[in-house]
Amino acid sequence: MTEMPAVGAFAIIPSNDLMAAIPFWERLGFERAGGSDDYVIMSGWSCELHLTQAGQGEWRVPEAHNPFGVFIRTPDVAAIAARVDDLVIRPGGVLRHREWGLYEVGIAGPDGLLVRVGWPSALMA
């Protein structure tokens, strides 16, 4: 039986070194689901990410400041945070309930990418 693809909008994340970025996403719990040498589709936590090799020009990630960020919405926030505790942005990114109503953690990703993982506080058990 063929699994139905996820529905929604998914981030396309440029990486200066795509092959070095893949292990980061695997550590977060994603698995490679397809793609090619310079475009990788990852899936996990009921969502999907698309990674692309940054080249010269518009996709190149600046060394001094990465303007990109990704938010992963999942009730498994604590499980993901535990997988990458050494990458949690401290002090501000530690896992906690935020004033904007999310139970959330901030993680330092490849090329300085901000990865936020959260779920509505009101839905946390």
PDB file of N, CA and C in Angstrom:
ATOM      1  N   MET A   1       0.842  -1.190   0.000  1.00  0.00           N
ATOM      2  CA  MET A   1       0.000   0.000   0.000  1.00  0.00           C
ATOM      3  C   MET A   1       0.882   1.246   0.000  1.00  0.00           C
ATOM      4  N   THR A   2       0.615   2.175  -0.874  1.00  0.00           N
ATOM      5  CA  THR A   2       1.382   3.412  -0.972  1.00  0.00           C
ATOM      6  C   THR A   2       0.889   4.401   0.068  1.00  0.00           C
ATOM      7  N   GLU A   3       1.843   4.989   0.813  1.00  0.00           N
ATOM      8  CA  GLU A   3       1.490   5.983   1.821  1.00  0.00           C
ATOM      9  C   GLU A   3       1.112   7.294   1.141  1.00  0.00           C
ATOM     10  N   MET A   4       0.062   7.930   1.657  1.00  0.00           N
ATOM     11  CA  MET A   4      -0.366   9.213   1.108  1.00  0.00           C
ATOM     12  C   MET A   4       0.654  10.285   1.478  1.00  0.00           C
ATOM     13  N   PRO A   5       1.016  11.149   0.533  1.00  0.00           N
ATOM     14  CA  PRO A   5       1.955  12.226   0.866  1.00  0.00           C
ATOM     15  C   PRO A   5       1.305  13.246   1.798  1.00  0.00           C
ATOM     16  N   ALA A   6       2.147  13.906   2.593  1.00  0.00           N
ATOM     17  CA  ALA A   6       1.659  14.941   3.500  1.00  0.00           C
ATOM     18  C   ALA A   6       1.069  16.096   2.702  1.00  0.00           C
ATOM     19  N   VAL A   7       0.073  16.740   3.284  1.00  0.00           N
ATOM     20  CA  VAL A   7      -0.558  17.901   2.671  1.00  0.00           C
ATOM     21  C   VAL A   7      -0.068  19.137   3.404  1.00  0.00           C
ATOM     22  N   GLY A   8       0.226  20.205   2.690  1.00  0.00           N
ATOM     23  CA  GLY A   8       0.640  21.437   3.347  1.00  0.00           C
ATOM     24  C   GLY A   8       1.733  22.150   2.579  1.00  0.00           C
ATOM     25  N   ALA A   9       2.263  23.169   3.198  1.00  0.00           N
ATOM     26  CA  ALA A   9       3.382  23.917   2.641  1.00  0.00           C
ATOM     27  C   ALA A   9       4.632  23.524   3.415  1.00  0.00           C
ATOM     28  N   PHE A  10       5.735  23.331   2.710  1.00  0.00           N
ATOM     29  CA  PHE A  10       6.955  22.890   3.351  1.00  0.00           C
ATOM     30  C   PHE A  10       8.116  23.794   2.973  1.00  0.00           C
ATOM     31  N   ALA A  11       9.020  23.990   3.913  1.00  0.00           N
ATOM     32  CA  ALA A  11      10.173  24.849   3.684  1.00  0.00           C
ATOM     33  C   ALA A  11      11.163  24.199   2.725  1.00  0.00           C
ATOM     34  N   ILE A  12      11.756  25.027   1.865  1.00  0.00           N
ATOM     35  CA  ILE A  12      12.912  24.629   1.078  1.00  0.00           C
ATOM     36  C   ILE A  12      14.092  25.338   1.726  1.00  0.00           C
ATOM     37  N   ILE A  13      15.000  24.561   2.293  1.00  0.00           N
ATOM     38  CA  ILE A  13      16.080  25.112   3.100  1.00  0.00           C
ATOM     39  C   ILE A  13      17.401  25.010   2.345  1.00  0.00           C
ATOM     40  N   PRO A  14      18.018  26.153   2.024  1.00  0.00           N
ATOM     41  CA  PRO A  14      19.323  26.108   1.369  1.00  0.00           C
ATOM     42  C   PRO A  14      20.420  25.775   2.372  1.00  0.00           C
ATOM     43  N   SER A  15      21.387  24.992   1.937  1.00  0.00           N
ATOM     44  CA  SER A  15      22.528  24.624   2.785  1.00  0.00           C
ATOM     45  C   SER A  15      23.808  24.843   1.997  1.00  0.00           C
ATOM     46  N   ASN A  16      24.781  25.465   2.639  1.00  0.00           N
ATOM     47  CA  ASN A  16      26.070  25.653   1.981  1.00  0.00           C
ATOM     48  C   ASN A  16      26.757  24.315   1.728  1.00  0.00           C
ATOM     49  N   ASP A  17      26.513  23.329   2.625  1.00  0.00           N
ATOM     50  CA  ASP A  17      27.052  21.985   2.461  1.00  0.00           C
ATOM     51  C   ASP A  17      25.915  21.006   2.728  1.00  0.00           C
ATOM     52  N   LEU A  18      25.191  20.650   1.685  1.00  0.00           N
ATOM     53  CA  LEU A  18      24.001  19.817   1.810  1.00  0.00           C
ATOM     54  C   LEU A  18      24.297  18.484   2.493  1.00  0.00           C
ATOM     55  N   MET A  19      25.379  17.823   2.099  1.00  0.00           N
ATOM     56  CA  MET A  19      25.696  16.511   2.667  1.00  0.00           C
ATOM     57  C   MET A  19      26.009  16.603   4.161  1.00  0.00           C
ATOM     58  N   ALA A  20      26.555  17.731   4.614  1.00  0.00           N
ATOM     59  CA  ALA A  20      26.837  17.919   6.040  1.00  0.00           C
ATOM     60  C   ALA A  20      25.565  18.262   6.815  1.00  0.00           C
ATOM     61  N   ALA A  21      24.562  18.820   6.137  1.00  0.00           N
ATOM     62  CA  ALA A  21      23.310  19.197   6.798  1.00  0.00           C
ATOM     63  C   ALA A  21      22.398  18.001   7.048  1.00  0.00           C
ATOM     64  N   ILE A  22      22.458  17.008   6.201  1.00  0.00           N
ATOM     65  CA  ILE A  22      21.560  15.854   6.315  1.00  0.00           C
ATOM     66  C   ILE A  22      21.660  15.170   7.687  1.00  0.00           C
ATOM     67  N   PRO A  23      22.859  14.916   8.239  1.00  0.00           N
ATOM     68  CA  PRO A  23      22.933  14.274   9.557  1.00  0.00           C
ATOM     69  C   PRO A  23      22.267  15.094  10.664  1.00  0.00           C
ATOM     70  N   PHE A  24      22.263  16.420  10.562  1.00  0.00           N
ATOM     71  CA  PHE A  24      21.566  17.254  11.541  1.00  0.00           C
ATOM     72  C   PHE A  24      20.079  16.917  11.537  1.00  0.00           C
ATOM     73  N   TRP A  25      19.471  16.888  10.366  1.00  0.00           N
ATOM     74  CA  TRP A  25      18.036  16.606  10.257  1.00  0.00           C
ATOM     75  C   TRP A  25      17.720  15.181  10.675  1.00  0.00           C
ATOM     76  N   GLU A  26      18.634  14.243  10.375  1.00  0.00           N
ATOM     77  CA  GLU A  26      18.440  12.865  10.840  1.00  0.00           C
ATOM     78  C   GLU A  26      18.488  12.795  12.357  1.00  0.00           C
ATOM     79  N   ARG A  27      19.357  13.565  12.954  1.00  0.00           N
ATOM     80  CA  ARG A  27      19.450  13.603  14.417  1.00  0.00           C
ATOM     81  C   ARG A  27      18.160  14.146  15.042  1.00  0.00           C
ATOM     82  N   LEU A  28      17.504  15.065  14.345  1.00  0.00           N
ATOM     83  CA  LEU A  28      16.222  15.584  14.829  1.00  0.00           C
ATOM     84  C   LEU A  28      15.094  14.558  14.667  1.00  0.00           C
ATOM     85  N   GLY A  29      15.336  13.499  13.900  1.00  0.00           N
ATOM     86  CA  GLY A  29      14.326  12.467  13.721  1.00  0.00           C
ATOM     87  C   GLY A  29      13.731  12.391  12.338  1.00  0.00           C
ATOM     88  N   PHE A  30      14.325  13.083  11.382  1.00  0.00           N
ATOM     89  CA  PHE A  30      13.849  13.039  10.000  1.00  0.00           C
ATOM     90  C   PHE A  30      14.597  11.943   9.246  1.00  0.00           C
ATOM     91  N   GLU A  31      13.962  11.425   8.196  1.00  0.00           N
ATOM     92  CA  GLU A  31      14.576  10.425   7.329  1.00  0.00           C
ATOM     93  C   GLU A  31      14.509  10.907   5.887  1.00  0.00           C
ATOM     94  N   ARG A  32      15.505  10.514   5.124  1.00  0.00           N
ATOM     95  CA  ARG A  32      15.506  10.876   3.706  1.00  0.00           C
ATOM     96  C   ARG A  32      14.381  10.124   3.002  1.00  0.00           C
ATOM     97  N   ALA A  33      13.545  10.863   2.287  1.00  0.00           N
ATOM     98  CA  ALA A  33      12.387  10.272   1.622  1.00  0.00           C
ATOM     99  C   ALA A  33      12.469  10.380   0.107  1.00  0.00           C
ATOM    100  N   GLY A  34      13.504  11.025  -0.402  1.00  0.00           N
ATOM    101  CA  GLY A  34      13.647  11.164  -1.849  1.00  0.00           C
ATOM    102  C   GLY A  34      14.562  12.306  -2.195  1.00  0.00           C
ATOM    103  N   GLY A  35      14.586  12.625  -3.481  1.00  0.00           N
ATOM    104  CA  GLY A  35      15.389  13.747  -3.941  1.00  0.00           C
ATOM    105  C   GLY A  35      16.489  13.319  -4.883  1.00  0.00           C
ATOM    106  N   SER A  36      17.527  14.150  -4.940  1.00  0.00           N
ATOM    107  CA  SER A  36      18.655  13.926  -5.838  1.00  0.00           C
ATOM    108  C   SER A  36      19.931  14.343  -5.116  1.00  0.00           C
ATOM    109  N   ASP A  37      21.027  14.450  -5.848  1.00  0.00           N
ATOM    110  CA  ASP A  37      22.299  14.834  -5.238  1.00  0.00           C
ATOM    111  C   ASP A  37      22.288  16.239  -4.651  1.00  0.00           C
ATOM    112  N   ASP A  38      21.513  17.151  -5.251  1.00  0.00           N
ATOM    113  CA  ASP A  38      21.524  18.532  -4.772  1.00  0.00           C
ATOM    114  C   ASP A  38      20.167  19.012  -4.258  1.00  0.00           C
ATOM    115  N   TYR A  39      19.220  18.076  -4.085  1.00  0.00           N
ATOM    116  CA  TYR A  39      17.897  18.418  -3.554  1.00  0.00           C
ATOM    117  C   TYR A  39      17.387  17.192  -2.801  1.00  0.00           C
ATOM    118  N   VAL A  40      17.232  17.322  -1.484  1.00  0.00           N
ATOM    119  CA  VAL A  40      16.874  16.181  -0.643  1.00  0.00           C
ATOM    120  C   VAL A  40      15.543  16.444   0.052  1.00  0.00           C
ATOM    121  N   ILE A  41      14.669  15.450   0.020  1.00  0.00           N
ATOM    122  CA  ILE A  41      13.385  15.521   0.707  1.00  0.00           C
ATOM    123  C   ILE A  41      13.498  14.684   1.977  1.00  0.00           C
ATOM    124  N   MET A  42      13.207  15.307   3.119  1.00  0.00           N
ATOM    125  CA  MET A  42      13.255  14.634   4.417  1.00  0.00           C
ATOM    126  C   MET A  42      11.850  14.617   5.004  1.00  0.00           C
ATOM    127  N   SER A  43      11.503  13.538   5.698  1.00  0.00           N
ATOM    128  CA  SER A  43      10.199  13.488   6.349  1.00  0.00           C
ATOM    129  C   SER A  43      10.361  12.967   7.767  1.00  0.00           C
ATOM    130  N   GLY A  44       9.462  13.416   8.629  1.00  0.00           N
ATOM    131  CA  GLY A  44       9.449  13.000  10.025  1.00  0.00           C
ATOM    132  C   GLY A  44       8.527  13.885  10.823  1.00  0.00           C
ATOM    133  N   TRP A  45       8.063  13.400  11.965  1.00  0.00           N
ATOM    134  CA  TRP A  45       7.202  14.163  12.858  1.00  0.00           C
ATOM    135  C   TRP A  45       5.968  14.693  12.124  1.00  0.00           C
ATOM    136  N   SER A  46       5.458  13.909  11.182  1.00  0.00           N
ATOM    137  CA  SER A  46       4.261  14.254  10.401  1.00  0.00           C
ATOM    138  C   SER A  46       4.451  15.504   9.546  1.00  0.00           C
ATOM    139  N   CYS A  47       5.687  15.780   9.145  1.00  0.00           N
ATOM    140  CA  CYS A  47       5.932  16.907   8.252  1.00  0.00           C
ATOM    141  C   CYS A  47       7.067  16.560   7.299  1.00  0.00           C
ATOM    142  N   GLU A  48       7.392  17.494   6.448  1.00  0.00           N
ATOM    143  CA  GLU A  48       8.377  17.272   5.407  1.00  0.00           C
ATOM    144  C   GLU A  48       9.246  18.513   5.268  1.00  0.00           C
ATOM    145  N   LEU A  49      10.521  18.305   4.975  1.00  0.00           N
ATOM    146  CA  LEU A  49      11.462  19.392   4.692  1.00  0.00           C
ATOM    147  C   LEU A  49      12.133  19.106   3.364  1.00  0.00           C
ATOM    148  N   HIS A  50      12.413  20.156   2.614  1.00  0.00           N
ATOM    149  CA  HIS A  50      13.156  20.011   1.370  1.00  0.00           C
ATOM    150  C   HIS A  50      14.462  20.781   1.551  1.00  0.00           C
ATOM    151  N   LEU A  51      15.573  20.124   1.323  1.00  0.00           N
ATOM    152  CA  LEU A  51      16.888  20.736   1.458  1.00  0.00           C
ATOM    153  C   LEU A  51      17.498  20.884   0.076  1.00  0.00           C
ATOM    154  N   THR A  52      18.121  22.022  -0.174  1.00  0.00           N
ATOM    155  CA  THR A  52      18.768  22.231  -1.467  1.00  0.00           C
ATOM    156  C   THR A  52      20.196  22.708  -1.255  1.00  0.00           C
ATOM    157  N   GLN A  53      21.066  22.310  -2.156  1.00  0.00           N
ATOM    158  CA  GLN A  53      22.446  22.770  -2.117  1.00  0.00           C
ATOM    159  C   GLN A  53      22.482  24.227  -2.552  1.00  0.00           C
ATOM    160  N   ALA A  54      22.979  25.091  -1.680  1.00  0.00           N
ATOM    161  CA  ALA A  54      23.107  26.502  -2.025  1.00  0.00           C
ATOM    162  C   ALA A  54      24.230  26.657  -3.044  1.00  0.00           C
ATOM    163  N   GLY A  55      24.018  27.531  -3.976  1.00  0.00           N
ATOM    164  CA  GLY A  55      25.038  27.785  -4.983  1.00  0.00           C
ATOM    165  C   GLY A  55      25.458  29.235  -4.921  1.00  0.00           C
ATOM    166  N   GLN A  56      26.115  29.663  -5.933  1.00  0.00           N
ATOM    167  CA  GLN A  56      26.477  31.068  -6.029  1.00  0.00           C
ATOM    168  C   GLN A  56      25.217  31.835  -6.402  1.00  0.00           C
ATOM    169  N   GLY A  57      24.926  32.911  -5.715  1.00  0.00           N
ATOM    170  CA  GLY A  57      23.744  33.698  -6.058  1.00  0.00           C
ATOM    171  C   GLY A  57      22.700  33.701  -4.965  1.00  0.00           C
ATOM    172  N   GLU A  58      21.435  33.692  -5.378  1.00  0.00           N
ATOM    173  CA  GLU A  58      20.340  33.951  -4.442  1.00  0.00           C
ATOM    174  C   GLU A  58      20.164  32.909  -3.346  1.00  0.00           C
ATOM    175  N   TRP A  59      20.580  31.660  -3.535  1.00  0.00           N
ATOM    176  CA  TRP A  59      20.384  30.648  -2.498  1.00  0.00           C
ATOM    177  C   TRP A  59      21.549  30.591  -1.523  1.00  0.00           C
ATOM    178  N   ARG A  60      22.637  31.269  -1.810  1.00  0.00           N
ATOM    179  CA  ARG A  60      23.819  31.191  -0.950  1.00  0.00           C
ATOM    180  C   ARG A  60      23.498  31.734   0.426  1.00  0.00           C
ATOM    181  N   VAL A  61      23.831  30.968   1.482  1.00  0.00           N
ATOM    182  CA  VAL A  61      23.578  31.387   2.856  1.00  0.00           C
ATOM    183  C   VAL A  61      24.734  32.272   3.310  1.00  0.00           C
ATOM    184  N   PRO A  62      24.433  33.507   3.744  1.00  0.00           N
ATOM    185  CA  PRO A  62      25.509  34.391   4.197  1.00  0.00           C
ATOM    186  C   PRO A  62      26.229  33.815   5.415  1.00  0.00           C
ATOM    187  N   GLU A  63      27.547  34.007   5.459  1.00  0.00           N
ATOM    188  CA  GLU A  63      28.316  33.457   6.577  1.00  0.00           C
ATOM    189  C   GLU A  63      28.045  34.189   7.885  1.00  0.00           C
ATOM    190  N   ALA A  64      27.840  35.484   7.836  1.00  0.00           N
ATOM    191  CA  ALA A  64      27.692  36.263   9.065  1.00  0.00           C
ATOM    192  C   ALA A  64      26.309  36.142   9.702  1.00  0.00           C
ATOM    193  N   HIS A  65      25.261  36.012   8.878  1.00  0.00           N
ATOM    194  CA  HIS A  65      23.905  35.967   9.425  1.00  0.00           C
ATOM    195  C   HIS A  65      22.978  35.217   8.479  1.00  0.00           C
ATOM    196  N   ASN A  66      22.405  34.133   8.975  1.00  0.00           N
ATOM    197  CA  ASN A  66      21.477  33.352   8.162  1.00  0.00           C
ATOM    198  C   ASN A  66      20.077  33.928   8.335  1.00  0.00           C
ATOM    199  N   PRO A  67      19.453  34.417   7.264  1.00  0.00           N
ATOM    200  CA  PRO A  67      18.126  35.009   7.389  1.00  0.00           C
ATOM    201  C   PRO A  67      16.999  33.974   7.407  1.00  0.00           C
ATOM    202  N   PHE A  68      17.342  32.693   7.257  1.00  0.00           N
ATOM    203  CA  PHE A  68      16.319  31.661   7.180  1.00  0.00           C
ATOM    204  C   PHE A  68      16.015  31.066   8.548  1.00  0.00           C
ATOM    205  N   GLY A  69      14.801  30.559   8.705  1.00  0.00           N
ATOM    206  CA  GLY A  69      14.387  29.869   9.907  1.00  0.00           C
ATOM    207  C   GLY A  69      13.297  28.877   9.565  1.00  0.00           C
ATOM    208  N   VAL A  70      13.139  27.865  10.404  1.00  0.00           N
ATOM    209  CA  VAL A  70      12.130  26.838  10.196  1.00  0.00           C
ATOM    210  C   VAL A  70      11.395  26.622  11.516  1.00  0.00           C
ATOM    211  N   PHE A  71      10.071  26.504  11.438  1.00  0.00           N
ATOM    212  CA  PHE A  71       9.268  26.169  12.609  1.00  0.00           C
ATOM    213  C   PHE A  71       8.628  24.808  12.366  1.00  0.00           C
ATOM    214  N   ILE A  72       8.857  23.883  13.290  1.00  0.00           N
ATOM    215  CA  ILE A  72       8.266  22.552  13.202  1.00  0.00           C
ATOM    216  C   ILE A  72       7.188  22.474  14.280  1.00  0.00           C
ATOM    217  N   ARG A  73       5.947  22.279  13.857  1.00  0.00           N
ATOM    218  CA  ARG A  73       4.821  22.199  14.800  1.00  0.00           C
ATOM    219  C   ARG A  73       4.518  20.726  15.053  1.00  0.00           C
ATOM    220  N   THR A  74       4.769  20.298  16.288  1.00  0.00           N
ATOM    221  CA  THR A  74       4.538  18.908  16.672  1.00  0.00           C
ATOM    222  C   THR A  74       4.339  18.813  18.177  1.00  0.00           C
ATOM    223  N   PRO A  75       3.501  17.892  18.638  1.00  0.00           N
ATOM    224  CA  PRO A  75       3.360  17.697  20.081  1.00  0.00           C
ATOM    225  C   PRO A  75       4.585  17.012  20.685  1.00  0.00           C
ATOM    226  N   ASP A  76       5.513  16.530  19.853  1.00  0.00           N
ATOM    227  CA  ASP A  76       6.700  15.825  20.323  1.00  0.00           C
ATOM    228  C   ASP A  76       7.879  16.759  20.588  1.00  0.00           C
ATOM    229  N   VAL A  77       7.585  17.961  21.038  1.00  0.00           N
ATOM    230  CA  VAL A  77       8.612  18.980  21.271  1.00  0.00           C
ATOM    231  C   VAL A  77       9.698  18.475  22.214  1.00  0.00           C
ATOM    232  N   ALA A  78       9.320  17.934  23.347  1.00  0.00           N
ATOM    233  CA  ALA A  78      10.306  17.495  24.349  1.00  0.00           C
ATOM    234  C   ALA A  78      11.178  16.364  23.815  1.00  0.00           C
ATOM    235  N   ALA A  79      10.600  15.452  23.040  1.00  0.00           N
ATOM    236  CA  ALA A  79      11.382  14.343  22.477  1.00  0.00           C
ATOM    237  C   ALA A  79      12.439  14.862  21.514  1.00  0.00           C
ATOM    238  N   ILE A  80      12.082  15.840  20.703  1.00  0.00           N
ATOM    239  CA  ILE A  80      13.050  16.407  19.764  1.00  0.00           C
ATOM    240  C   ILE A  80      14.122  17.186  20.518  1.00  0.00           C
ATOM    241  N   ALA A  81      13.709  17.982  21.489  1.00  0.00           N
ATOM    242  CA  ALA A  81      14.679  18.765  22.272  1.00  0.00           C
ATOM    243  C   ALA A  81      15.693  17.848  22.957  1.00  0.00           C
ATOM    244  N   ALA A  82      15.248  16.706  23.450  1.00  0.00           N
ATOM    245  CA  ALA A  82      16.149  15.771  24.126  1.00  0.00           C
ATOM    246  C   ALA A  82      17.178  15.176  23.160  1.00  0.00           C
ATOM    247  N   ARG A  83      16.815  15.016  21.900  1.00  0.00           N
ATOM    248  CA  ARG A  83      17.726  14.457  20.898  1.00  0.00           C
ATOM    249  C   ARG A  83      18.912  15.379  20.615  1.00  0.00           C
ATOM    250  N   VAL A  84      18.690  16.695  20.784  1.00  0.00           N
ATOM    251  CA  VAL A  84      19.708  17.676  20.383  1.00  0.00           C
ATOM    252  C   VAL A  84      19.984  18.690  21.497  1.00  0.00           C
ATOM    253  N   ASP A  85      19.995  18.230  22.724  1.00  0.00           N
ATOM    254  CA  ASP A  85      20.180  19.138  23.861  1.00  0.00           C
ATOM    255  C   ASP A  85      21.419  20.017  23.708  1.00  0.00           C
ATOM    256  N   ASP A  86      22.490  19.499  23.130  1.00  0.00           N
ATOM    257  CA  ASP A  86      23.718  20.268  22.972  1.00  0.00           C
ATOM    258  C   ASP A  86      23.589  21.368  21.916  1.00  0.00           C
ATOM    259  N   LEU A  87      22.531  21.337  21.109  1.00  0.00           N
ATOM    260  CA  LEU A  87      22.327  22.353  20.078  1.00  0.00           C
ATOM    261  C   LEU A  87      21.263  23.388  20.449  1.00  0.00           C
ATOM    262  N   VAL A  88      20.657  23.231  21.637  1.00  0.00           N
ATOM    263  CA  VAL A  88      19.643  24.187  22.082  1.00  0.00           C
ATOM    264  C   VAL A  88      20.303  25.536  22.295  1.00  0.00           C
ATOM    265  N   ILE A  89      19.669  26.577  21.780  1.00  0.00           N
ATOM    266  CA  ILE A  89      20.196  27.933  21.908  1.00  0.00           C
ATOM    267  C   ILE A  89      19.958  28.392  23.345  1.00  0.00           C
ATOM    268  N   ARG A  90      21.033  28.691  24.039  1.00  0.00           N
ATOM    269  CA  ARG A  90      20.946  29.084  25.441  1.00  0.00           C
ATOM    270  C   ARG A  90      21.441  30.505  25.623  1.00  0.00           C
ATOM    271  N   PRO A  91      20.793  31.262  26.494  1.00  0.00           N
ATOM    272  CA  PRO A  91      19.736  30.832  27.405  1.00  0.00           C
ATOM    273  C   PRO A  91      18.346  30.936  26.803  1.00  0.00           C
ATOM    274  N   GLY A  92      18.159  31.753  25.771  1.00  0.00           N
ATOM    275  CA  GLY A  92      16.816  32.088  25.298  1.00  0.00           C
ATOM    276  C   GLY A  92      16.020  30.983  24.649  1.00  0.00           C
ATOM    277  N   GLY A  93      16.661  29.952  24.125  1.00  0.00           N
ATOM    278  CA  GLY A  93      15.933  28.942  23.376  1.00  0.00           C
ATOM    279  C   GLY A  93      15.536  27.701  24.144  1.00  0.00           C
ATOM    280  N   VAL A  94      15.818  27.676  25.460  1.00  0.00           N
ATOM    281  CA  VAL A  94      15.522  26.463  26.214  1.00  0.00           C
ATOM    282  C   VAL A  94      14.036  26.118  26.165  1.00  0.00           C
ATOM    283  N   LEU A  95      13.740  24.850  26.288  1.00  0.00           N
ATOM    284  CA  LEU A  95      12.369  24.358  26.217  1.00  0.00           C
ATOM    285  C   LEU A  95      11.537  24.925  27.361  1.00  0.00           C
ATOM    286  N   ARG A  96      10.476  25.645  26.987  1.00  0.00           N
ATOM    287  CA  ARG A  96       9.587  26.227  28.005  1.00  0.00           C
ATOM    288  C   ARG A  96       8.317  26.748  27.333  1.00  0.00           C
ATOM    289  N   HIS A  97       7.343  27.084  28.173  1.00  0.00           N
ATOM    290  CA  HIS A  97       6.114  27.707  27.684  1.00  0.00           C
ATOM    291  C   HIS A  97       6.416  29.187  27.442  1.00  0.00           C
ATOM    292  N   ARG A  98       6.064  29.669  26.252  1.00  0.00           N
ATOM    293  CA  ARG A  98       6.348  31.062  25.867  1.00  0.00           C
ATOM    294  C   ARG A  98       5.109  31.917  26.070  1.00  0.00           C
ATOM    295  N   GLU A  99       5.343  33.211  26.218  1.00  0.00           N
ATOM    296  CA  GLU A  99       4.232  34.143  26.439  1.00  0.00           C
ATOM    297  C   GLU A  99       3.290  34.222  25.253  1.00  0.00           C
ATOM    298  N   TRP A 100       3.717  33.768  24.084  1.00  0.00           N
ATOM    299  CA  TRP A 100       2.853  33.791  22.907  1.00  0.00           C
ATOM    300  C   TRP A 100       2.031  32.504  22.772  1.00  0.00           C
ATOM    301  N   GLY A 101       2.073  31.641  23.822  1.00  0.00           N
ATOM    302  CA  GLY A 101       1.186  30.487  23.862  1.00  0.00           C
ATOM    303  C   GLY A 101       1.725  29.188  23.294  1.00  0.00           C
ATOM    304  N   LEU A 102       3.044  29.095  23.111  1.00  0.00           N
ATOM    305  CA  LEU A 102       3.634  27.862  22.593  1.00  0.00           C
ATOM    306  C   LEU A 102       4.610  27.256  23.596  1.00  0.00           C
ATOM    307  N   TYR A 103       4.618  25.944  23.664  1.00  0.00           N
ATOM    308  CA  TYR A 103       5.654  25.190  24.372  1.00  0.00           C
ATOM    309  C   TYR A 103       6.716  24.971  23.309  1.00  0.00           C
ATOM    310  N   GLU A 104       7.909  25.544  23.483  1.00  0.00           N
ATOM    311  CA  GLU A 104       8.820  25.700  22.357  1.00  0.00           C
ATOM    312  C   GLU A 104      10.283  25.597  22.766  1.00  0.00           C
ATOM    313  N   VAL A 105      11.116  25.200  21.797  1.00  0.00           N
ATOM    314  CA  VAL A 105      12.561  25.153  21.966  1.00  0.00           C
ATOM    315  C   VAL A 105      13.201  25.764  20.722  1.00  0.00           C
ATOM    316  N   GLY A 106      14.344  26.418  20.893  1.00  0.00           N
ATOM    317  CA  GLY A 106      15.114  26.980  19.780  1.00  0.00           C
ATOM    318  C   GLY A 106      16.397  26.182  19.603  1.00  0.00           C
ATOM    319  N   ILE A 107      16.680  25.774  18.375  1.00  0.00           N
ATOM    320  CA  ILE A 107      17.823  24.915  18.086  1.00  0.00           C
ATOM    321  C   ILE A 107      18.687  25.568  17.009  1.00  0.00           C
ATOM    322  N   ALA A 108      20.012  25.487  17.194  1.00  0.00           N
ATOM    323  CA  ALA A 108      20.960  26.008  16.207  1.00  0.00           C
ATOM    324  C   ALA A 108      21.173  24.958  15.129  1.00  0.00           C
ATOM    325  N   GLY A 109      20.751  25.278  13.903  1.00  0.00           N
ATOM    326  CA  GLY A 109      20.866  24.345  12.788  1.00  0.00           C
ATOM    327  C   GLY A 109      22.075  24.619  11.926  1.00  0.00           C
ATOM    328  N   PRO A 110      22.210  23.869  10.844  1.00  0.00           N
ATOM    329  CA  PRO A 110      23.339  24.057   9.924  1.00  0.00           C
ATOM    330  C   PRO A 110      23.353  25.467   9.334  1.00  0.00           C
ATOM    331  N   ASP A 111      24.541  25.993   9.120  1.00  0.00           N
ATOM    332  CA  ASP A 111      24.720  27.315   8.516  1.00  0.00           C
ATOM    333  C   ASP A 111      24.046  28.417   9.325  1.00  0.00           C
ATOM    334  N   GLY A 112      23.906  28.236  10.647  1.00  0.00           N
ATOM    335  CA  GLY A 112      23.291  29.252  11.489  1.00  0.00           C
ATOM    336  C   GLY A 112      21.779  29.323  11.364  1.00  0.00           C
ATOM    337  N   LEU A 113      21.146  28.304  10.813  1.00  0.00           N
ATOM    338  CA  LEU A 113      19.701  28.260  10.656  1.00  0.00           C
ATOM    339  C   LEU A 113      19.018  28.169  12.018  1.00  0.00           C
ATOM    340  N   LEU A 114      18.020  29.008  12.251  1.00  0.00           N
ATOM    341  CA  LEU A 114      17.206  28.903  13.458  1.00  0.00           C
ATOM    342  C   LEU A 114      16.129  27.863  13.214  1.00  0.00           C
ATOM    343  N   VAL A 115      16.081  26.847  14.071  1.00  0.00           N
ATOM    344  CA  VAL A 115      15.044  25.819  14.011  1.00  0.00           C
ATOM    345  C   VAL A 115      14.264  25.913  15.319  1.00  0.00           C
ATOM    346  N   ARG A 116      12.993  26.259  15.198  1.00  0.00           N
ATOM    347  CA  ARG A 116      12.117  26.311  16.368  1.00  0.00           C
ATOM    348  C   ARG A 116      11.140  25.155  16.272  1.00  0.00           C
ATOM    349  N   VAL A 117      10.942  24.487  17.403  1.00  0.00           N
ATOM    350  CA  VAL A 117      10.020  23.358  17.467  1.00  0.00           C
ATOM    351  C   VAL A 117       9.026  23.684  18.562  1.00  0.00           C
ATOM    352  N   GLY A 118       7.727  23.605  18.254  1.00  0.00           N
ATOM    353  CA  GLY A 118       6.742  23.977  19.264  1.00  0.00           C
ATOM    354  C   GLY A 118       5.386  23.362  19.049  1.00  0.00           C
ATOM    355  N   TRP A 119       4.554  23.545  20.067  1.00  0.00           N
ATOM    356  CA  TRP A 119       3.178  23.067  20.072  1.00  0.00           C
ATOM    357  C   TRP A 119       2.390  23.996  20.994  1.00  0.00           C
ATOM    358  N   PRO A 120       1.124  24.258  20.735  1.00  0.00           N
ATOM    359  CA  PRO A 120       0.351  25.146  21.598  1.00  0.00           C
ATOM    360  C   PRO A 120       0.376  24.684  23.061  1.00  0.00           C
ATOM    361  N   SER A 121       0.711  25.600  23.950  1.00  0.00           N
ATOM    362  CA  SER A 121       0.781  25.278  25.388  1.00  0.00           C
ATOM    363  C   SER A 121      -0.522  24.687  25.892  1.00  0.00           C
ATOM    364  N   ALA A 122      -1.633  25.224  25.416  1.00  0.00           N
ATOM    365  CA  ALA A 122      -2.944  24.761  25.878  1.00  0.00           C
ATOM    366  C   ALA A 122      -3.222  23.303  25.521  1.00  0.00           C
ATOM    367  N   LEU A 123      -2.486  22.750  24.551  1.00  0.00           N
ATOM    368  CA  LEU A 123      -2.702  21.366  24.140  1.00  0.00           C
ATOM    369  C   LEU A 123      -1.713  20.397  24.769  1.00  0.00           C
ATOM    370  N   MET A 124      -0.778  20.929  25.566  1.00  0.00           N
ATOM    371  CA  MET A 124       0.210  20.069  26.219  1.00  0.00           C
ATOM    372  C   MET A 124      -0.418  19.408  27.446  1.00  0.00           C
ATOM    373  N   ALA A 125      -0.155  18.111  27.601  1.00  0.00           N
ATOM    374  CA  ALA A 125      -0.719  17.368  28.745  1.00  0.00           C
ATOM    375  C   ALA A 125       0.010  17.739  30.029  1.00  0.00           C
TER     376      ALA A 125
END
